[in-house]
C-alpha atoms as a PDB file:
ATOM      1  CA  MET A   1      -6.599  47.608   6.533  1.00  0.00           C
ATOM      2  CA  ASP A   2      -6.853  44.263   7.250  1.00  0.00           C
ATOM      3  CA  THR A   3     -10.002  43.312   8.877  1.00  0.00           C
ATOM      4  CA  ARG A   4      -9.949  40.733  12.236  1.00  0.00           C
ATOM      5  CA  SER A   5     -11.422  38.245   9.560  1.00  0.00           C
ATOM      6  CA  ASP A   6      -8.724  39.002   7.094  1.00  0.00           C
ATOM      7  CA  GLN A   7      -6.366  38.486   9.813  1.00  0.00           C
ATOM      8  CA  ARG A   8      -7.587  35.521  11.386  1.00  0.00           C
ATOM      9  CA  ALA A   9      -7.650  33.906   7.881  1.00  0.00           C
ATOM     10  CA  ARG A  10      -3.728  34.843   7.088  1.00  0.00           C
ATOM     11  CA  VAL A  11      -3.279  33.235  10.914  1.00  0.00           C
ATOM     12  CA  VAL A  12      -4.668  29.901   9.870  1.00  0.00           C
ATOM     13  CA  LYS A  13      -3.435  29.965   6.482  1.00  0.00           C
ATOM     14  CA  LEU A  14       0.331  30.371   7.930  1.00  0.00           C
ATOM     15  CA  ILE A  15      -0.162  27.575  10.423  1.00  0.00           C
ATOM     16  CA  TYR A  16      -1.398  25.029   7.956  1.00  0.00           C
ATOM     17  CA  ASP A  17       0.990  25.868   5.433  1.00  0.00           C
ATOM     18  CA  ILE A  18       3.909  25.376   8.006  1.00  0.00           C
ATOM     19  CA  LEU A  19       2.594  22.240   8.582  1.00  0.00           C
ATOM     20  CA  ASN A  20       1.614  21.331   5.047  1.00  0.00           C
ATOM     21  CA  ARG A  21      -1.973  20.384   5.924  1.00  0.00           C
ATOM     22  CA  ASN A  22      -5.487  21.433   4.122  1.00  0.00           C
ATOM     23  CA  PRO A  23      -7.662  23.558   6.791  1.00  0.00           C
ATOM     24  CA  ASP A  24     -10.455  22.761   4.429  1.00  0.00           C
ATOM     25  CA  LEU A  25     -10.507  19.521   5.605  1.00  0.00           C
ATOM     26  CA  PHE A  26     -11.687  20.020   8.966  1.00  0.00           C
ATOM     27  CA  ASP A  27     -15.137  21.119  10.051  1.00  0.00           C
ATOM     28  CA  ASP A  28     -13.662  24.210  12.096  1.00  0.00           C
ATOM     29  CA  PRO A  29      -9.878  24.732  11.219  1.00  0.00           C
ATOM     30  CA  LEU A  30      -9.221  27.130  14.292  1.00  0.00           C
ATOM     31  CA  ALA A  31     -10.757  24.582  16.608  1.00  0.00           C
ATOM     32  CA  VAL A  32      -8.052  21.938  15.415  1.00  0.00           C
ATOM     33  CA  LYS A  33      -5.720  20.844  17.971  1.00  0.00           C
ATOM     34  CA  MET A  34      -2.173  21.510  17.047  1.00  0.00           C
ATOM     35  CA  GLU A  35      -0.308  18.064  18.331  1.00  0.00           C
ATOM     36  CA  ALA A  36      -2.881  15.783  18.370  1.00  0.00           C
ATOM     37  CA  GLU A  37      -4.608  16.792  14.764  1.00  0.00           C
ATOM     38  CA  LEU A  38      -1.949  18.576  12.942  1.00  0.00           C
ATOM     39  CA  GLU A  39       0.996  16.796  14.662  1.00  0.00           C
ATOM     40  CA  ALA A  40       2.680  19.687  15.445  1.00  0.00           C
ATOM     41  CA  ASP A  41       6.082  19.555  17.818  1.00  0.00           C
ATOM     42  CA  SER A  42       7.905  22.366  19.594  1.00  0.00           C
ATOM     43  CA  LEU A  43       9.946  23.046  16.579  1.00  0.00           C
ATOM     44  CA  ASP A  44       6.983  24.167  14.626  1.00  0.00           C
ATOM     45  CA  ALA A  45       5.789  26.029  17.108  1.00  0.00           C
ATOM     46  CA  ILE A  46       8.888  28.073  17.426  1.00  0.00           C
ATOM     47  CA  GLU A  47       8.563  28.452  13.427  1.00  0.00           C
ATOM     48  CA  ILE A  48       5.083  29.311  13.715  1.00  0.00           C
ATOM     49  CA  ALA A  49       5.981  32.060  16.397  1.00  0.00           C
ATOM     50  CA  MET A  50       8.783  33.167  14.057  1.00  0.00           C
ATOM     51  CA  ASP A  51       6.634  33.437  11.119  1.00  0.00           C
ATOM     52  CA  LEU A  52       3.465  35.221  12.657  1.00  0.00           C
ATOM     53  CA  GLU A  53       5.974  37.867  14.075  1.00  0.00           C
ATOM     54  CA  GLY A  54       7.219  38.716  10.658  1.00  0.00           C
ATOM     55  CA  GLU A  55       3.790  38.410   9.153  1.00  0.00           C
ATOM     56  CA  PHE A  56       2.059  40.772  11.374  1.00  0.00           C
ATOM     57  CA  ALA A  57       5.140  42.779  13.178  1.00  0.00           C
ATOM     58  CA  ILE A  58       4.613  41.757  16.687  1.00  0.00           C
ATOM     59  CA  GLU A  59       6.465  40.019  19.419  1.00  0.00           C
ATOM     60  CA  ILE A  60       5.626  36.730  20.853  1.00  0.00           C
ATOM     61  CA  ASP A  61       7.986  35.899  23.834  1.00  0.00           C
ATOM     62  CA  ASP A  62       9.176  32.513  24.461  1.00  0.00           C
ATOM     63  CA  ASP A  63       7.041  32.258  27.537  1.00  0.00           C
ATOM     64  CA  GLU A  64       3.948  32.720  25.543  1.00  0.00           C
ATOM     65  CA  VAL A  65       5.262  29.701  23.153  1.00  0.00           C
ATOM     66  CA  THR A  66       5.422  27.459  25.912  1.00  0.00           C
ATOM     67  CA  ALA A  67       2.273  28.342  27.681  1.00  0.00           C
ATOM     68  CA  LEU A  68       0.644  27.487  24.230  1.00  0.00           C
ATOM     69  CA  GLY A  69       2.297  23.671  24.207  1.00  0.00           C
ATOM     70  CA  LYS A  70       1.472  23.386  28.050  1.00  0.00           C
ATOM     71  CA  ALA A  71      -2.152  24.236  27.114  1.00  0.00           C
ATOM     72  CA  GLU A  72      -4.130  21.590  29.350  1.00  0.00           C
ATOM     73  CA  ASP A  73      -6.272  19.822  26.382  1.00  0.00           C
ATOM     74  CA  GLY A  74      -3.582  21.157  23.765  1.00  0.00           C
ATOM     75  CA  ALA A  75      -3.437  24.346  22.038  1.00  0.00           C
ATOM     76  CA  THR A  76      -5.645  24.787  18.927  1.00  0.00           C
ATOM     77  CA  VAL A  77      -5.219  27.059  15.884  1.00  0.00           C
ATOM     78  CA  GLY A  78      -7.467  29.289  17.221  1.00  0.00           C
ATOM     79  CA  ASP A  79      -5.640  29.681  20.778  1.00  0.00           C
ATOM     80  CA  TRP A  80      -2.498  31.170  18.350  1.00  0.00           C
ATOM     81  CA  TRP A  81      -5.388  33.457  16.801  1.00  0.00           C
ATOM     82  CA  LYS A  82      -6.215  34.812  20.030  1.00  0.00           C
ATOM     83  CA  LEU A  83      -2.288  35.382  20.806  1.00  0.00           C
ATOM     84  CA  VAL A  84      -1.875  37.178  17.369  1.00  0.00           C
ATOM     85  CA  GLU A  85      -5.397  39.370  18.130  1.00  0.00           C
ATOM     86  CA  ALA A  86      -4.108  40.224  21.541  1.00  0.00           C
ATOM     87  CA  LYS A  87      -0.934  41.429  20.316  1.00  0.00           C
ATOM     88  CA  LEU A  88      -2.643  43.281  17.388  1.00  0.00           C
ATOM     89  CA  ALA A  89      -5.306  45.047  19.812  1.00  0.00           C
ATOM     90  CA  GLU A  90      -2.206  46.023  22.114  1.00  0.00           C
ATOM     91  CA  ALA A  91      -0.439  47.654  19.443  1.00  0.00           C
ATOM     92  CA  GLY A  92      -3.929  49.726  18.356  1.00  0.00           C
ATOM     93  CA  ARG A  93      -4.146  47.416  15.137  1.00  0.00           C
END
C-alpha cells in the first residue's frame, strides 16, 4: 500500500511528465504554479485529470478541474495533490 508520500510523489511525477518538465528544477515542486510557471493550459488540465483518475482509480469532476483553473492566484501542483488526497480519503485509501 502506498503511503501519502508515495502518492504525492506519483502525482508530482505524473503532472511534470505530462508537461515535459523536470520537478528537480524547482525548490518546491508542489508550490509551482501550473499556468504561470509550467505553462499548462486547459487541455493540459483535462489530460492531467484523466491521467490522475486512471492512476488512482478516482473520479475528478469537470467542475473541480474548472475550479482549479480559476484559482485566484493560479493553481499549483500542490492544489492537484490536495484534490487527489481528498478523493483518496473519501475512498478510504
